[in-house]
Amino acid sequence: MKHFPKIQSHKEIEVDGYWTGTGGNGLNVATYAHSLGVKVAFFSKVPLSIHSIITDTLIDVGLETSHLITEARSDAPQVILITNANGEYSVLVSDRNGLAFTPTEVSPHHLLPRAQYAHIDAFTLGALGTIGQIKAADKWVKTVQDSGALLSIDLSHALCDNQTQRASNLIGSAHVVFGNTYEATKITQTSDSVEAATALLRMGPSDVIVKDGERGLVCASEKSMAIVPAFDLPVADSIGAGDGVVAGTLFGLCRDLSLEDASRIGTAVAAMVCGGRGSQGASFDLQAVEQLLETGSTDRSSIS
């Protein structure tokens, strides 16, 4: 913090335990989709101090088609996530400039040919608001469009709070838009997730998925509007659940499923993710996800 808030006293909070792990929106989406059997290419900028950790994570899940740009000048950000008994969490994070692409680090060869979908996560879209990151994000978007892949984006609080016009332009250029209820209602100036999904659809994308927490998803397309309920399973924490929605839904769309059916896979993957500590704490595959979709329950013995 640059300035501590003025308070009359301090409060100590006792914790039951702690863990360390690896994560990040793009990393999560890539590894979850890979676990489902999708052919994935992952592109990221990684500070040197955690390069081996990220590499080991990718090796552990067997994701070999990765392209990492190493950042040697900036330290890795320190991220602390505090969860409660219900699995809800808050985030404390330090400077993330070392994770941001610059325009010179983005080139057309980065995108694999014949990709059906290309997903750009919320941070990469320009969450920091710096000129360099925004230019790099715009270059990523153009690279995807020139490749012929369908652009998928995930909104962020920072983008919707601080770059409303740019967020609107990005939404209009995307084929698939994901966002949580706060982001969706903020950018559309609506009062609930259903209204927000309808308003987002009018802004230009073909498919819209609003992540409405424990209530599930609101998905809207030119053909239909549906509410897809979340699975009622025990939650260790919800870190990475939104990325699970993205990975599962895009997996379903790659299989030419309807948006509603694809979104059901998204909710199932999110439920699996919530069974482990941290965004990489759950181990699952397509068989486990299909079992959950068919029966409403699954064997979670493989989840750590």
Protein backbone atom coordinates (compact mmCIF):
# COMPACT_ATOMS: atom_id res chain seq x y z
CA MET A 1 0.00 0.00 0.00
CA LYS A 2 1.22 3.52 -0.70
CA HIS A 3 -0.77 4.84 2.23
CA PHE A 4 -2.22 2.88 5.12
CA PRO A 5 -5.82 3.71 6.05
CA LYS A 6 -6.32 5.61 9.28
CA ILE A 7 -7.65 3.17 11.86
CA GLN A 8 -7.99 3.29 15.62
CA SER A 9 -6.83 -0.25 16.26
CA HIS A 10 -5.68 -3.40 14.53
CA LYS A 11 -7.34 -6.76 14.27
CA GLU A 12 -5.58 -10.09 14.16
CA ILE A 13 -7.12 -12.90 12.14
CA GLU A 14 -6.24 -16.48 12.95
CA VAL A 15 -5.96 -18.79 9.95
CA ASP A 16 -6.48 -22.54 9.86
CA GLY A 17 -3.63 -23.15 7.46
CA TYR A 18 -1.97 -22.02 4.27
CA TRP A 19 -0.68 -23.36 0.99
CA THR A 20 1.40 -22.13 -1.93
CA GLY A 21 0.53 -22.68 -5.55
CA THR A 22 0.76 -21.46 -9.13
CA GLY A 23 -1.95 -19.79 -11.15
CA GLY A 24 -3.05 -16.98 -13.43
CA ASN A 25 -6.06 -16.55 -15.71
CA GLY A 26 -4.39 -17.57 -18.96
CA LEU A 27 -2.43 -20.39 -17.35
CA ASN A 28 -5.58 -21.73 -15.72
CA VAL A 29 -7.66 -21.68 -18.90
CA ALA A 30 -4.86 -23.39 -20.84
CA THR A 31 -4.24 -26.17 -18.33
CA TYR A 32 -7.94 -26.84 -17.72
CA ALA A 33 -8.68 -27.04 -21.45
CA HIS A 34 -5.69 -29.32 -21.93
CA SER A 35 -7.04 -31.61 -19.18
CA LEU A 36 -10.21 -31.98 -21.25
CA GLY A 37 -8.22 -33.08 -24.29
CA VAL A 38 -8.14 -29.80 -26.21
CA LYS A 39 -5.07 -29.05 -28.30
CA VAL A 40 -3.80 -25.89 -26.62
CA ALA A 41 -1.08 -23.35 -27.35
CA PHE A 42 -0.31 -21.14 -24.34
CA PHE A 43 1.38 -17.75 -24.65
CA SER A 44 2.54 -15.79 -21.62
CA LYS A 45 5.12 -13.39 -20.27
CA VAL A 46 6.83 -14.76 -17.17
CA PRO A 47 9.32 -13.11 -14.78
CA LEU A 48 12.62 -14.98 -14.60
CA SER A 49 12.25 -15.71 -10.89
CA ILE A 50 9.19 -17.93 -11.47
CA HIS A 51 9.97 -19.20 -14.96
CA SER A 52 10.95 -22.66 -13.72
CA ILE A 53 7.82 -22.87 -11.54
CA ILE A 54 5.54 -22.10 -14.48
CA THR A 55 7.46 -24.50 -16.69
CA ASP A 56 7.14 -27.27 -14.11
CA THR A 57 3.39 -26.65 -13.87
CA LEU A 58 3.02 -26.99 -17.63
CA ILE A 59 5.13 -30.15 -17.63
CA ASP A 60 3.03 -31.63 -14.82
CA VAL A 61 -0.15 -31.34 -16.89
CA GLY A 62 1.59 -32.36 -20.11
CA LEU A 63 1.04 -29.06 -21.93
CA GLU A 64 3.96 -28.93 -24.33
CA THR A 65 2.84 -26.31 -26.87
CA SER A 66 3.74 -23.28 -24.76
CA HIS A 67 5.52 -20.08 -25.70
CA LEU A 68 6.93 -18.13 -22.75
CA ILE A 69 8.59 -14.74 -22.97
CA THR A 70 10.97 -14.26 -20.06
CA GLU A 71 10.97 -10.95 -18.18
CA ALA A 72 14.38 -10.43 -16.55
CA ARG A 73 13.99 -6.89 -15.21
CA SER A 74 10.88 -7.13 -13.03
CA ASP A 75 10.24 -9.35 -10.04
CA ALA A 76 7.31 -11.74 -9.94
CA PRO A 77 4.28 -10.22 -8.21
CA GLN A 78 3.43 -11.37 -4.73
CA VAL A 79 -0.15 -12.59 -4.54
CA ILE A 80 -1.94 -13.50 -1.32
CA LEU A 81 -5.40 -15.03 -1.47
CA ILE A 82 -7.41 -15.26 1.74
CA THR A 83 -10.33 -17.69 1.72
CA ASN A 84 -13.15 -18.27 4.17
CA ALA A 85 -15.00 -21.45 5.13
CA ASN A 86 -17.37 -21.02 2.16
CA GLY A 87 -14.53 -20.93 -0.35
CA GLU A 88 -14.94 -17.21 -1.07
CA TYR A 89 -11.69 -15.27 -1.34
CA SER A 90 -10.07 -11.85 -1.45
CA VAL A 91 -6.83 -11.00 -3.22
CA LEU A 92 -3.84 -8.88 -2.25
CA VAL A 93 -1.39 -8.38 -5.11
CA SER A 94 1.79 -6.38 -5.66
CA ASP A 95 3.07 -4.75 -8.85
CA ARG A 96 2.27 -6.81 -11.96
CA ASN A 97 4.05 -4.75 -14.62
CA GLY A 98 6.53 -7.56 -15.23
CA LEU A 99 3.70 -9.75 -16.53
CA ALA A 100 2.49 -7.28 -19.16
CA PHE A 101 3.30 -7.77 -22.83
CA THR A 102 4.82 -4.87 -24.76
CA PRO A 103 3.96 -4.28 -28.44
CA THR A 104 7.36 -5.53 -29.65
CA GLU A 105 6.76 -8.88 -27.92
CA VAL A 106 3.62 -9.65 -29.94
CA SER A 107 3.97 -10.92 -33.49
CA PRO A 108 1.65 -12.88 -35.84
CA HIS A 109 3.70 -16.08 -35.67
CA HIS A 110 2.67 -16.43 -32.02
CA LEU A 111 -0.72 -17.81 -33.00
CA LEU A 112 -0.90 -21.41 -34.13
CA PRO A 113 -2.46 -21.79 -37.59
CA ARG A 114 -5.96 -23.21 -37.92
CA ALA A 115 -6.90 -22.36 -34.33
CA GLN A 116 -10.67 -22.42 -33.96
CA TYR A 117 -10.77 -20.12 -30.92
CA ALA A 118 -8.18 -17.78 -29.42
CA HIS A 119 -8.85 -16.62 -25.86
CA ILE A 120 -7.30 -13.45 -24.42
CA ASP A 121 -7.52 -13.25 -20.65
CA ALA A 122 -8.62 -10.23 -18.65
CA PHE A 123 -5.13 -9.14 -17.60
CA THR A 124 -3.65 -9.30 -21.10
CA LEU A 125 -6.51 -7.19 -22.48
CA GLY A 126 -5.01 -4.22 -20.64
CA ALA A 127 -6.01 -4.46 -16.98
CA LEU A 128 -3.04 -2.32 -15.88
CA GLY A 129 -4.13 0.53 -18.13
CA THR A 130 -0.58 1.35 -19.25
CA ILE A 131 0.01 2.59 -22.79
CA GLY A 132 2.37 -0.28 -23.59
CA GLN A 133 0.04 -3.00 -22.35
CA ILE A 134 -2.96 -1.51 -24.17
CA LYS A 135 -1.02 -1.31 -27.46
CA ALA A 136 0.13 -4.91 -27.00
CA ALA A 137 -3.44 -6.03 -26.26
CA ASP A 138 -4.75 -4.30 -29.38
CA LYS A 139 -2.01 -6.02 -31.38
CA TRP A 140 -3.04 -9.39 -29.91
CA VAL A 141 -6.65 -8.74 -30.95
CA LYS A 142 -5.62 -7.86 -34.51
CA THR A 143 -3.36 -10.93 -34.67
CA VAL A 144 -6.30 -13.15 -33.74
CA GLN A 145 -8.62 -11.46 -36.23
CA ASP A 146 -6.07 -11.76 -39.04
CA SER A 147 -5.58 -15.46 -38.27
CA GLY A 148 -9.24 -16.27 -38.81
CA ALA A 149 -9.66 -17.66 -35.28
CA LEU A 150 -12.75 -16.69 -33.29
CA LEU A 151 -11.83 -14.21 -30.56
CA SER A 152 -12.85 -15.01 -26.98
CA ILE A 153 -12.28 -12.46 -24.21
CA ASP A 154 -12.73 -12.32 -20.45
CA LEU A 155 -13.59 -8.97 -18.86
CA SER A 156 -12.05 -7.56 -15.67
CA HIS A 157 -13.04 -5.09 -12.96
CA ALA A 158 -10.16 -2.82 -14.00
CA LEU A 159 -11.18 -2.78 -17.65
CA CYS A 160 -14.87 -2.15 -16.96
CA ASP A 161 -14.23 0.43 -14.23
CA ASN A 162 -11.47 2.45 -15.88
CA GLN A 163 -11.64 1.88 -19.65
CA THR A 164 -15.35 1.73 -20.41
CA GLN A 165 -15.20 2.86 -24.03
CA ARG A 166 -12.31 0.57 -24.81
CA ALA A 167 -14.06 -2.31 -23.07
CA SER A 168 -17.12 -1.68 -25.23
CA ASN A 169 -14.99 -1.72 -28.37
CA LEU A 170 -13.35 -5.01 -27.34
CA ILE A 171 -16.74 -6.57 -26.64
CA GLY A 172 -17.93 -5.54 -30.09
CA SER A 173 -14.91 -7.14 -31.76
CA ALA A 174 -15.16 -10.47 -29.90
CA HIS A 175 -17.05 -13.60 -30.89
CA VAL A 176 -17.39 -14.87 -27.30
CA VAL A 177 -17.48 -12.64 -24.21
CA PHE A 178 -17.13 -13.85 -20.62
CA GLY A 179 -17.61 -11.65 -17.57
CA ASN A 180 -18.87 -11.86 -14.02
CA THR A 181 -22.03 -10.13 -12.85
CA TYR A 182 -20.23 -7.04 -11.58
CA GLU A 183 -18.32 -6.53 -14.81
CA ALA A 184 -21.32 -7.24 -17.03
CA THR A 185 -23.69 -4.93 -15.17
CA LYS A 186 -21.04 -2.22 -14.84
CA ILE A 187 -20.23 -1.99 -18.54
CA THR A 188 -23.88 -2.24 -19.62
CA GLN A 189 -25.33 -0.11 -16.78
CA THR A 190 -27.93 -2.76 -16.01
CA SER A 191 -29.13 -4.16 -12.69
CA ASP A 192 -28.83 -7.94 -12.99
CA SER A 193 -27.04 -10.69 -14.87
CA VAL A 194 -29.91 -11.47 -17.27
CA GLU A 195 -30.33 -7.85 -18.34
CA ALA A 196 -26.57 -7.55 -18.64
CA ALA A 197 -26.28 -10.61 -20.88
CA THR A 198 -28.96 -9.23 -23.19
CA ALA A 199 -27.25 -5.84 -23.31
CA LEU A 200 -23.83 -7.37 -23.98
CA LEU A 201 -25.26 -9.37 -26.88
CA ARG A 202 -26.56 -6.16 -28.44
CA MET A 203 -23.00 -4.80 -28.39
CA GLY A 204 -21.91 -7.24 -31.09
CA PRO A 205 -20.60 -10.63 -29.88
CA SER A 206 -22.25 -13.87 -31.00
CA ASP A 207 -22.08 -15.54 -27.57
CA VAL A 208 -22.17 -14.06 -24.06
CA ILE A 209 -21.60 -15.88 -20.78
CA VAL A 210 -22.16 -14.03 -17.50
CA LYS A 211 -20.65 -15.79 -14.49
CA ASP A 212 -23.13 -15.34 -11.65
CA GLY A 213 -21.26 -17.03 -8.80
CA GLU A 214 -23.00 -19.83 -6.94
CA ARG A 215 -26.15 -19.24 -9.00
CA GLY A 216 -24.36 -20.44 -12.13
CA LEU A 217 -24.24 -18.86 -15.58
CA VAL A 218 -26.42 -16.75 -17.80
CA CYS A 219 -25.65 -17.53 -21.44
CA ALA A 220 -27.05 -15.61 -24.36
CA SER A 221 -26.71 -15.98 -28.11
CA GLU A 222 -28.63 -14.90 -31.18
CA LYS A 223 -30.67 -18.10 -30.88
CA SER A 224 -31.39 -18.41 -27.16
CA MET A 225 -31.05 -17.20 -23.60
CA ALA A 226 -30.58 -19.70 -20.76
CA ILE A 227 -29.71 -19.86 -17.08
CA VAL A 228 -27.34 -22.74 -16.35
CA PRO A 229 -27.24 -23.60 -12.63
CA ALA A 230 -24.01 -24.31 -10.81
CA PHE A 231 -23.29 -27.76 -9.38
CA ASP A 232 -23.87 -28.13 -5.66
CA LEU A 233 -20.61 -29.76 -4.55
CA PRO A 234 -18.29 -29.14 -1.59
CA VAL A 235 -15.99 -26.17 -2.19
CA ALA A 236 -12.40 -25.93 -0.96
CA ASP A 237 -12.11 -22.50 -2.54
CA SER A 238 -13.41 -20.86 -5.69
CA ILE A 239 -10.04 -19.68 -7.00
CA GLY A 240 -9.94 -20.42 -10.73
CA ALA A 241 -13.65 -21.23 -11.04
CA GLY A 242 -14.23 -18.50 -13.60
CA ASP A 243 -11.33 -19.78 -15.68
CA GLY A 244 -12.90 -23.23 -15.48
CA VAL A 245 -16.07 -21.78 -16.98
CA VAL A 246 -14.05 -20.35 -19.86
CA ALA A 247 -12.12 -23.56 -20.54
CA GLY A 248 -15.15 -25.83 -20.34
CA THR A 249 -17.40 -23.60 -22.43
CA LEU A 250 -14.83 -23.15 -25.20
CA PHE A 251 -14.26 -26.92 -25.16
CA GLY A 252 -17.98 -27.42 -25.77
CA LEU A 253 -18.10 -24.80 -28.52
CA CYS A 254 -15.16 -26.51 -30.24
CA ARG A 255 -17.34 -29.63 -30.28
CA ASP A 256 -20.08 -27.63 -32.03
CA LEU A 257 -22.42 -27.85 -29.04
CA SER A 258 -25.03 -25.19 -28.42
CA LEU A 259 -23.96 -22.36 -26.13
CA GLU A 260 -26.21 -23.69 -23.36
CA ASP A 261 -24.77 -27.21 -23.54
CA ALA A 262 -21.23 -25.85 -23.79
CA SER A 263 -21.87 -23.68 -20.74
CA ARG A 264 -22.97 -26.74 -18.78
CA ILE A 265 -19.51 -28.16 -19.36
CA GLY A 266 -18.15 -24.84 -18.14
CA THR A 267 -20.05 -25.14 -14.85
CA ALA A 268 -18.85 -28.73 -14.44
CA VAL A 269 -15.20 -27.77 -14.93
CA ALA A 270 -15.66 -24.89 -12.48
CA ALA A 271 -17.05 -27.31 -9.90
CA MET A 272 -14.05 -29.59 -10.34
CA VAL A 273 -11.66 -26.67 -9.92
CA CYS A 274 -13.41 -25.62 -6.69
CA GLY A 275 -12.60 -28.99 -5.14
CA GLY A 276 -8.88 -28.24 -4.85
CA ARG A 277 -6.82 -25.66 -2.98
CA GLY A 278 -5.75 -22.92 -5.35
CA SER A 279 -6.32 -22.79 -9.06
CA GLN A 280 -4.03 -25.75 -9.81
CA GLY A 281 -5.00 -27.89 -6.81
CA ALA A 282 -7.59 -30.07 -8.55
CA SER A 283 -6.67 -32.92 -10.88
CA PHE A 284 -9.42 -33.96 -13.29
CA ASP A 285 -10.00 -35.17 -16.82
CA LEU A 286 -12.82 -35.31 -19.34
CA GLN A 287 -14.15 -38.57 -17.89
CA ALA A 288 -14.61 -36.97 -14.46
CA VAL A 289 -16.35 -33.96 -15.99
CA GLU A 290 -18.67 -36.18 -18.05
CA GLN A 291 -19.52 -38.19 -14.94
CA LEU A 292 -20.47 -35.01 -13.13
CA LEU A 293 -22.63 -33.88 -16.04
CA GLU A 294 -24.42 -37.24 -16.21
CA THR A 295 -24.92 -37.99 -12.51
CA GLY A 296 -24.52 -34.69 -10.66
CA SER A 297 -21.65 -36.17 -8.63
CA THR A 298 -18.14 -37.38 -9.25
CA ASP A 299 -15.30 -39.28 -7.66
CA ARG A 300 -13.07 -36.55 -6.30
CA SER A 301 -10.46 -38.84 -4.82
CA SER A 302 -7.98 -37.58 -7.40
CA ILE A 303 -8.42 -34.00 -6.28
CA SER A 304 -5.75 -32.76 -3.90
